[in-house]
Amino acid sequence: MAIRERIVVDANALISRLLLPSSVPGQAVRMATHEGQLLASDATLEELADVLSRPKFDSYVTLEERQAFMLLFGRIVEHVPITRRVRLCRDPKDDAVLELALNGGADLIITGDRDLLALGAFENTRILTPAAYLARRAPT
């Protein structure tokens, strides 16, 4: 059996998966879910829940659909306790993503966040856009 990649997906890509499943981030999340092991921490789950609870999404998906998405996501991820902290980014939410990657032994982070992408890698974790993640799997 092949070893599955350990993957951190940022909140924006996950929200794209919910709102626009056929978008590039939506496709990347779907592929990561099937081919890898998604990781989450208390902080990343709280951020996702906070963003999904905002009324601006009411016209796209119901609150019940967003809550169901959170429940499903919570069931498929490996929950990672954070014991090693990171203080590298200007945005503490980005640090939470890096902490998850570090503590979860992530192989890669899928994100559209420019600050994270500017790092290129963190420790042993590659940082890719959703498009770059999909391109790795494209036939040559």
N, C-alpha and C. Protein backbone atom coordinates (compact mmCIF):
# COMPACT_ATOMS: atom_id res chain seq x y z
N MET A 1 0.84 -1.19 0.00
CA MET A 1 0.00 0.00 0.00
C MET A 1 0.88 1.24 0.00
N ALA A 2 0.57 2.19 -0.85
CA ALA A 2 1.36 3.41 -0.97
C ALA A 2 1.14 4.30 0.26
N ILE A 3 2.18 5.01 0.63
CA ILE A 3 2.09 5.95 1.73
C ILE A 3 1.38 7.20 1.22
N ARG A 4 0.37 7.61 1.95
CA ARG A 4 -0.41 8.80 1.57
C ARG A 4 0.29 10.06 2.07
N GLU A 5 0.30 11.08 1.22
CA GLU A 5 0.85 12.36 1.63
C GLU A 5 0.02 12.95 2.76
N ARG A 6 0.70 13.63 3.65
CA ARG A 6 0.04 14.33 4.75
C ARG A 6 -0.09 15.79 4.31
N ILE A 7 -1.34 16.28 4.26
CA ILE A 7 -1.63 17.54 3.59
C ILE A 7 -2.41 18.49 4.50
N VAL A 8 -1.95 19.74 4.52
CA VAL A 8 -2.68 20.84 5.16
C VAL A 8 -3.30 21.65 4.04
N VAL A 9 -4.61 21.89 4.13
CA VAL A 9 -5.31 22.72 3.15
C VAL A 9 -5.82 23.95 3.90
N ASP A 10 -5.53 25.13 3.37
CA ASP A 10 -5.96 26.34 4.08
C ASP A 10 -7.46 26.55 3.95
N ALA A 11 -7.99 27.41 4.83
CA ALA A 11 -9.44 27.63 4.90
C ALA A 11 -10.02 28.14 3.59
N ASN A 12 -9.30 29.02 2.89
CA ASN A 12 -9.85 29.56 1.65
C ASN A 12 -10.05 28.49 0.59
N ALA A 13 -9.11 27.56 0.48
CA ALA A 13 -9.27 26.47 -0.49
C ALA A 13 -10.44 25.57 -0.09
N LEU A 14 -10.59 25.33 1.21
CA LEU A 14 -11.71 24.49 1.67
C LEU A 14 -13.06 25.16 1.38
N ILE A 15 -13.11 26.46 1.59
CA ILE A 15 -14.35 27.19 1.32
C ILE A 15 -14.65 27.18 -0.18
N SER A 16 -13.62 27.30 -0.99
CA SER A 16 -13.81 27.19 -2.44
C SER A 16 -14.39 25.83 -2.81
N ARG A 17 -13.94 24.79 -2.14
CA ARG A 17 -14.45 23.44 -2.39
C ARG A 17 -15.95 23.38 -2.14
N LEU A 18 -16.39 24.04 -1.06
CA LEU A 18 -17.80 24.05 -0.73
C LEU A 18 -18.61 24.91 -1.70
N LEU A 19 -18.13 26.10 -2.00
CA LEU A 19 -18.90 27.05 -2.81
C LEU A 19 -18.80 26.79 -4.31
N LEU A 20 -17.58 26.42 -4.75
CA LEU A 20 -17.33 26.22 -6.19
C LEU A 20 -16.56 24.92 -6.38
N PRO A 21 -17.25 23.79 -6.27
CA PRO A 21 -16.56 22.49 -6.31
C PRO A 21 -15.72 22.24 -7.56
N SER A 22 -16.10 22.84 -8.70
CA SER A 22 -15.35 22.60 -9.93
C SER A 22 -14.21 23.60 -10.14
N SER A 23 -14.06 24.56 -9.22
CA SER A 23 -12.95 25.52 -9.31
C SER A 23 -11.63 24.80 -9.10
N VAL A 24 -10.53 25.47 -9.44
CA VAL A 24 -9.21 24.86 -9.25
C VAL A 24 -8.99 24.50 -7.78
N PRO A 25 -9.25 25.41 -6.83
CA PRO A 25 -9.09 24.99 -5.43
C PRO A 25 -10.03 23.85 -5.05
N GLY A 26 -11.25 23.88 -5.57
CA GLY A 26 -12.19 22.80 -5.29
C GLY A 26 -11.68 21.46 -5.79
N GLN A 27 -11.13 21.45 -7.00
CA GLN A 27 -10.56 20.21 -7.55
C GLN A 27 -9.35 19.75 -6.75
N ALA A 28 -8.52 20.71 -6.32
CA ALA A 28 -7.32 20.35 -5.54
C ALA A 28 -7.71 19.73 -4.20
N VAL A 29 -8.72 20.29 -3.55
CA VAL A 29 -9.17 19.73 -2.28
C VAL A 29 -9.74 18.33 -2.49
N ARG A 30 -10.52 18.17 -3.53
CA ARG A 30 -11.09 16.84 -3.83
C ARG A 30 -9.97 15.82 -4.04
N MET A 31 -8.95 16.19 -4.84
CA MET A 31 -7.84 15.29 -5.09
C MET A 31 -7.06 15.00 -3.81
N ALA A 32 -6.81 16.03 -3.03
CA ALA A 32 -6.07 15.83 -1.78
C ALA A 32 -6.83 14.92 -0.83
N THR A 33 -8.13 15.05 -0.81
CA THR A 33 -8.96 14.21 0.05
C THR A 33 -8.88 12.74 -0.36
N HIS A 34 -8.84 12.50 -1.67
CA HIS A 34 -8.79 11.13 -2.17
C HIS A 34 -7.40 10.52 -2.10
N GLU A 35 -6.39 11.33 -2.32
CA GLU A 35 -5.03 10.80 -2.43
C GLU A 35 -4.17 10.97 -1.20
N GLY A 36 -4.57 11.84 -0.28
CA GLY A 36 -3.74 12.11 0.88
C GLY A 36 -4.52 12.02 2.17
N GLN A 37 -3.83 12.34 3.24
CA GLN A 37 -4.45 12.43 4.56
C GLN A 37 -4.48 13.89 4.95
N LEU A 38 -5.67 14.47 5.03
CA LEU A 38 -5.80 15.86 5.42
C LEU A 38 -5.61 16.00 6.92
N LEU A 39 -4.99 17.11 7.31
CA LEU A 39 -4.68 17.38 8.71
C LEU A 39 -5.43 18.63 9.16
N ALA A 40 -5.77 18.69 10.45
CA ALA A 40 -6.40 19.87 11.03
C ALA A 40 -6.02 19.97 12.50
N SER A 41 -6.03 21.18 12.99
CA SER A 41 -5.79 21.43 14.42
C SER A 41 -7.00 22.18 14.97
N ASP A 42 -7.03 22.36 16.27
CA ASP A 42 -8.11 23.14 16.86
C ASP A 42 -8.17 24.52 16.22
N ALA A 43 -7.01 25.16 16.06
CA ALA A 43 -6.97 26.52 15.52
C ALA A 43 -7.46 26.58 14.07
N THR A 44 -7.06 25.62 13.24
CA THR A 44 -7.49 25.67 11.84
C THR A 44 -8.97 25.32 11.70
N LEU A 45 -9.46 24.42 12.56
CA LEU A 45 -10.89 24.11 12.54
C LEU A 45 -11.72 25.29 13.02
N GLU A 46 -11.23 25.99 14.04
CA GLU A 46 -11.93 27.17 14.55
C GLU A 46 -11.97 28.28 13.49
N GLU A 47 -10.86 28.47 12.78
CA GLU A 47 -10.86 29.48 11.72
C GLU A 47 -11.87 29.14 10.64
N LEU A 48 -11.89 27.88 10.20
CA LEU A 48 -12.83 27.46 9.17
C LEU A 48 -14.27 27.65 9.64
N ALA A 49 -14.56 27.25 10.86
CA ALA A 49 -15.92 27.39 11.39
C ALA A 49 -16.30 28.87 11.50
N ASP A 50 -15.36 29.70 11.93
CA ASP A 50 -15.63 31.13 12.06
C ASP A 50 -15.97 31.74 10.70
N VAL A 51 -15.16 31.43 9.70
CA VAL A 51 -15.38 32.01 8.37
C VAL A 51 -16.70 31.51 7.79
N LEU A 52 -16.97 30.21 7.93
CA LEU A 52 -18.20 29.66 7.36
C LEU A 52 -19.46 30.16 8.06
N SER A 53 -19.34 30.67 9.27
CA SER A 53 -20.51 31.17 9.98
C SER A 53 -20.91 32.59 9.57
N ARG A 54 -20.10 33.22 8.76
CA ARG A 54 -20.36 34.61 8.36
C ARG A 54 -21.59 34.70 7.44
N PRO A 55 -22.42 35.70 7.70
CA PRO A 55 -23.65 35.85 6.90
C PRO A 55 -23.41 36.07 5.42
N LYS A 56 -22.20 36.51 5.02
CA LYS A 56 -21.96 36.77 3.60
C LYS A 56 -22.10 35.51 2.74
N PHE A 57 -22.07 34.33 3.36
CA PHE A 57 -22.21 33.09 2.61
C PHE A 57 -23.66 32.62 2.51
N ASP A 58 -24.57 33.32 3.19
CA ASP A 58 -25.98 32.91 3.21
C ASP A 58 -26.59 32.80 1.82
N SER A 59 -26.19 33.66 0.91
CA SER A 59 -26.78 33.63 -0.43
C SER A 59 -26.20 32.52 -1.31
N TYR A 60 -25.13 31.87 -0.85
CA TYR A 60 -24.49 30.81 -1.64
C TYR A 60 -24.87 29.42 -1.15
N VAL A 61 -24.78 29.23 0.15
CA VAL A 61 -25.12 27.94 0.77
C VAL A 61 -25.77 28.21 2.12
N THR A 62 -26.68 27.34 2.51
CA THR A 62 -27.37 27.54 3.78
C THR A 62 -26.43 27.29 4.95
N LEU A 63 -26.79 27.81 6.09
CA LEU A 63 -26.02 27.57 7.30
C LEU A 63 -25.95 26.07 7.60
N GLU A 64 -27.04 25.37 7.34
CA GLU A 64 -27.08 23.92 7.57
C GLU A 64 -26.07 23.20 6.66
N GLU A 65 -25.98 23.64 5.40
CA GLU A 65 -25.00 23.02 4.48
C GLU A 65 -23.57 23.29 4.95
N ARG A 66 -23.34 24.49 5.44
CA ARG A 66 -21.99 24.82 5.95
C ARG A 66 -21.67 24.01 7.19
N GLN A 67 -22.66 23.83 8.05
CA GLN A 67 -22.44 23.01 9.25
C GLN A 67 -22.20 21.55 8.88
N ALA A 68 -22.92 21.06 7.90
CA ALA A 68 -22.71 19.68 7.44
C ALA A 68 -21.31 19.52 6.84
N PHE A 69 -20.87 20.53 6.11
CA PHE A 69 -19.51 20.51 5.55
C PHE A 69 -18.48 20.42 6.69
N MET A 70 -18.67 21.22 7.74
CA MET A 70 -17.75 21.20 8.87
C MET A 70 -17.74 19.82 9.54
N LEU A 71 -18.91 19.22 9.71
CA LEU A 71 -18.99 17.89 10.32
C LEU A 71 -18.26 16.86 9.48
N LEU A 72 -18.50 16.88 8.19
CA LEU A 72 -17.84 15.94 7.29
C LEU A 72 -16.32 16.15 7.31
N PHE A 73 -15.90 17.41 7.21
CA PHE A 73 -14.47 17.70 7.24
C PHE A 73 -13.84 17.21 8.54
N GLY A 74 -14.54 17.44 9.65
CA GLY A 74 -14.03 16.99 10.95
C GLY A 74 -13.87 15.49 11.04
N ARG A 75 -14.67 14.76 10.27
CA ARG A 75 -14.60 13.30 10.29
C ARG A 75 -13.47 12.73 9.43
N ILE A 76 -13.08 13.47 8.38
CA ILE A 76 -12.08 12.91 7.47
C ILE A 76 -10.66 13.34 7.78
N VAL A 77 -10.50 14.39 8.59
CA VAL A 77 -9.15 14.87 8.90
C VAL A 77 -8.54 14.09 10.05
N GLU A 78 -7.23 14.12 10.08
CA GLU A 78 -6.52 13.66 11.27
C GLU A 78 -6.32 14.88 12.15
N HIS A 79 -6.80 14.80 13.36
CA HIS A 79 -6.67 15.92 14.29
C HIS A 79 -5.27 15.89 14.90
N VAL A 80 -4.57 17.01 14.78
CA VAL A 80 -3.18 17.11 15.23
C VAL A 80 -3.10 18.05 16.43
N PRO A 81 -2.62 17.55 17.57
CA PRO A 81 -2.40 18.46 18.70
C PRO A 81 -1.16 19.32 18.45
N ILE A 82 -1.23 20.57 18.84
CA ILE A 82 -0.12 21.49 18.62
C ILE A 82 0.72 21.58 19.90
N THR A 83 1.94 21.11 19.80
CA THR A 83 2.87 21.18 20.93
C THR A 83 4.05 22.09 20.65
N ARG A 84 4.37 22.25 19.37
CA ARG A 84 5.46 23.15 18.96
C ARG A 84 4.85 24.36 18.28
N ARG A 85 5.17 25.54 18.76
CA ARG A 85 4.61 26.79 18.25
C ARG A 85 5.52 27.41 17.20
N VAL A 86 4.91 28.20 16.32
CA VAL A 86 5.63 28.91 15.27
C VAL A 86 5.24 30.38 15.35
N ARG A 87 6.23 31.26 15.30
CA ARG A 87 5.99 32.70 15.23
C ARG A 87 6.85 33.23 14.09
N LEU A 88 6.34 33.12 12.88
CA LEU A 88 7.11 33.47 11.69
C LEU A 88 6.40 34.50 10.83
N CYS A 89 5.09 34.45 10.79
CA CYS A 89 4.30 35.27 9.86
C CYS A 89 3.70 36.49 10.55
N ARG A 90 3.38 37.47 9.73
CA ARG A 90 2.72 38.65 10.27
C ARG A 90 1.28 38.36 10.66
N ASP A 91 0.67 37.34 10.06
CA ASP A 91 -0.70 36.95 10.35
C ASP A 91 -0.69 35.68 11.22
N PRO A 92 -1.21 35.75 12.44
CA PRO A 92 -1.22 34.56 13.31
C PRO A 92 -1.96 33.37 12.70
N LYS A 93 -2.92 33.62 11.79
CA LYS A 93 -3.62 32.52 11.14
C LYS A 93 -2.67 31.74 10.23
N ASP A 94 -1.71 32.44 9.64
CA ASP A 94 -0.69 31.76 8.83
C ASP A 94 0.22 30.93 9.73
N ASP A 95 0.56 31.46 10.89
CA ASP A 95 1.36 30.70 11.85
C ASP A 95 0.64 29.41 12.26
N ALA A 96 -0.69 29.47 12.40
CA ALA A 96 -1.46 28.29 12.76
C ALA A 96 -1.36 27.21 11.69
N VAL A 97 -1.32 27.62 10.43
CA VAL A 97 -1.15 26.67 9.32
C VAL A 97 0.24 26.04 9.39
N LEU A 98 1.25 26.85 9.64
CA LEU A 98 2.62 26.33 9.75
C LEU A 98 2.76 25.42 10.98
N GLU A 99 2.13 25.79 12.08
CA GLU A 99 2.16 24.93 13.28
C GLU A 99 1.54 23.57 12.99
N LEU A 100 0.44 23.57 12.28
CA LEU A 100 -0.20 22.32 11.91
C LEU A 100 0.72 21.47 11.05
N ALA A 101 1.35 22.10 10.07
CA ALA A 101 2.27 21.37 9.19
C ALA A 101 3.43 20.79 9.99
N LEU A 102 4.00 21.58 10.87
CA LEU A 102 5.15 21.15 11.67
C LEU A 102 4.76 20.01 12.60
N ASN A 103 3.70 20.20 13.36
CA ASN A 103 3.29 19.20 14.35
C ASN A 103 2.70 17.95 13.72
N GLY A 104 2.13 18.09 12.53
CA GLY A 104 1.50 16.95 11.86
C GLY A 104 2.40 16.23 10.89
N GLY A 105 3.65 16.69 10.76
CA GLY A 105 4.56 16.05 9.81
C GLY A 105 4.04 16.14 8.39
N ALA A 106 3.48 17.30 8.03
CA ALA A 106 2.88 17.46 6.71
C ALA A 106 3.93 17.43 5.60
N ASP A 107 3.55 16.82 4.50
CA ASP A 107 4.39 16.82 3.30
C ASP A 107 4.18 18.10 2.50
N LEU A 108 2.95 18.63 2.55
CA LEU A 108 2.69 19.85 1.80
C LEU A 108 1.52 20.62 2.35
N ILE A 109 1.52 21.90 2.01
CA ILE A 109 0.43 22.82 2.32
C ILE A 109 -0.13 23.29 0.98
N ILE A 110 -1.45 23.24 0.85
CA ILE A 110 -2.12 23.77 -0.33
C ILE A 110 -2.79 25.08 0.09
N THR A 111 -2.38 26.17 -0.56
CA THR A 111 -2.87 27.49 -0.17
C THR A 111 -2.78 28.46 -1.34
N GLY A 112 -3.60 29.49 -1.25
CA GLY A 112 -3.48 30.61 -2.18
C GLY A 112 -2.92 31.83 -1.48
N ASP A 113 -2.58 31.70 -0.21
CA ASP A 113 -2.09 32.81 0.60
C ASP A 113 -0.69 33.22 0.14
N ARG A 114 -0.56 34.46 -0.28
CA ARG A 114 0.72 34.93 -0.83
C ARG A 114 1.85 34.89 0.18
N ASP A 115 1.54 35.22 1.45
CA ASP A 115 2.60 35.20 2.47
C ASP A 115 3.15 33.79 2.67
N LEU A 116 2.27 32.81 2.69
CA LEU A 116 2.73 31.42 2.83
C LEU A 116 3.45 30.97 1.57
N LEU A 117 2.89 31.29 0.43
CA LEU A 117 3.51 30.88 -0.84
C LEU A 117 4.90 31.48 -1.00
N ALA A 118 5.12 32.68 -0.47
CA ALA A 118 6.43 33.33 -0.57
C ALA A 118 7.51 32.53 0.15
N LEU A 119 7.11 31.74 1.13
CA LEU A 119 8.09 30.91 1.85
C LEU A 119 8.59 29.76 0.97
N GLY A 120 7.76 29.27 0.07
CA GLY A 120 8.15 28.15 -0.80
C GLY A 120 8.12 26.81 -0.09
N ALA A 121 8.67 26.80 1.10
CA ALA A 121 8.68 25.60 1.94
C ALA A 121 8.87 26.05 3.38
N PHE A 122 8.49 25.17 4.29
CA PHE A 122 8.68 25.41 5.71
C PHE A 122 9.11 24.09 6.32
N GLU A 123 10.30 24.10 6.93
CA GLU A 123 10.89 22.85 7.43
C GLU A 123 10.92 21.86 6.26
N ASN A 124 10.25 20.73 6.38
CA ASN A 124 10.24 19.73 5.31
C ASN A 124 8.93 19.73 4.52
N THR A 125 8.18 20.82 4.62
CA THR A 125 6.86 20.90 4.01
C THR A 125 6.87 21.85 2.82
N ARG A 126 6.49 21.34 1.65
CA ARG A 126 6.36 22.20 0.47
C ARG A 126 5.07 22.99 0.56
N ILE A 127 5.08 24.17 -0.02
CA ILE A 127 3.90 25.03 -0.03
C ILE A 127 3.53 25.30 -1.48
N LEU A 128 2.33 24.85 -1.87
CA LEU A 128 1.90 24.92 -3.26
C LEU A 128 0.56 25.60 -3.41
N THR A 129 0.36 26.24 -4.55
CA THR A 129 -0.97 26.72 -4.90
C THR A 129 -1.83 25.52 -5.27
N PRO A 130 -3.16 25.68 -5.24
CA PRO A 130 -4.01 24.59 -5.71
C PRO A 130 -3.66 24.17 -7.15
N ALA A 131 -3.39 25.14 -8.01
CA ALA A 131 -3.05 24.82 -9.41
C ALA A 131 -1.75 24.02 -9.49
N ALA A 132 -0.76 24.40 -8.72
CA ALA A 132 0.52 23.66 -8.73
C ALA A 132 0.33 22.25 -8.19
N TYR A 133 -0.53 22.09 -7.20
CA TYR A 133 -0.81 20.76 -6.68
C TYR A 133 -1.45 19.89 -7.76
N LEU A 134 -2.44 20.43 -8.46
CA LEU A 134 -3.08 19.69 -9.54
C LEU A 134 -2.09 19.37 -10.67
N ALA A 135 -1.23 20.31 -10.99
CA ALA A 135 -0.26 20.13 -12.09
C ALA A 135 0.70 19.00 -11.81
N ARG A 136 1.00 18.73 -10.56
CA ARG A 136 1.89 17.60 -10.23
C ARG A 136 1.31 16.28 -10.68
N ARG A 137 -0.01 16.21 -10.78
CA ARG A 137 -0.69 14.96 -11.12
C ARG A 137 -1.08 14.89 -12.60
N ALA A 138 -0.88 15.99 -13.30
CA ALA A 138 -1.31 16.03 -14.70
C ALA A 138 -0.43 15.10 -15.54
N PRO A 139 -1.05 14.40 -16.51
CA PRO A 139 -0.27 13.53 -17.40
C PRO A 139 0.69 14.36 -18.25
N THR A 140 1.84 13.78 -18.53
CA THR A 140 2.84 14.50 -19.34
C THR A 140 2.73 14.13 -20.79
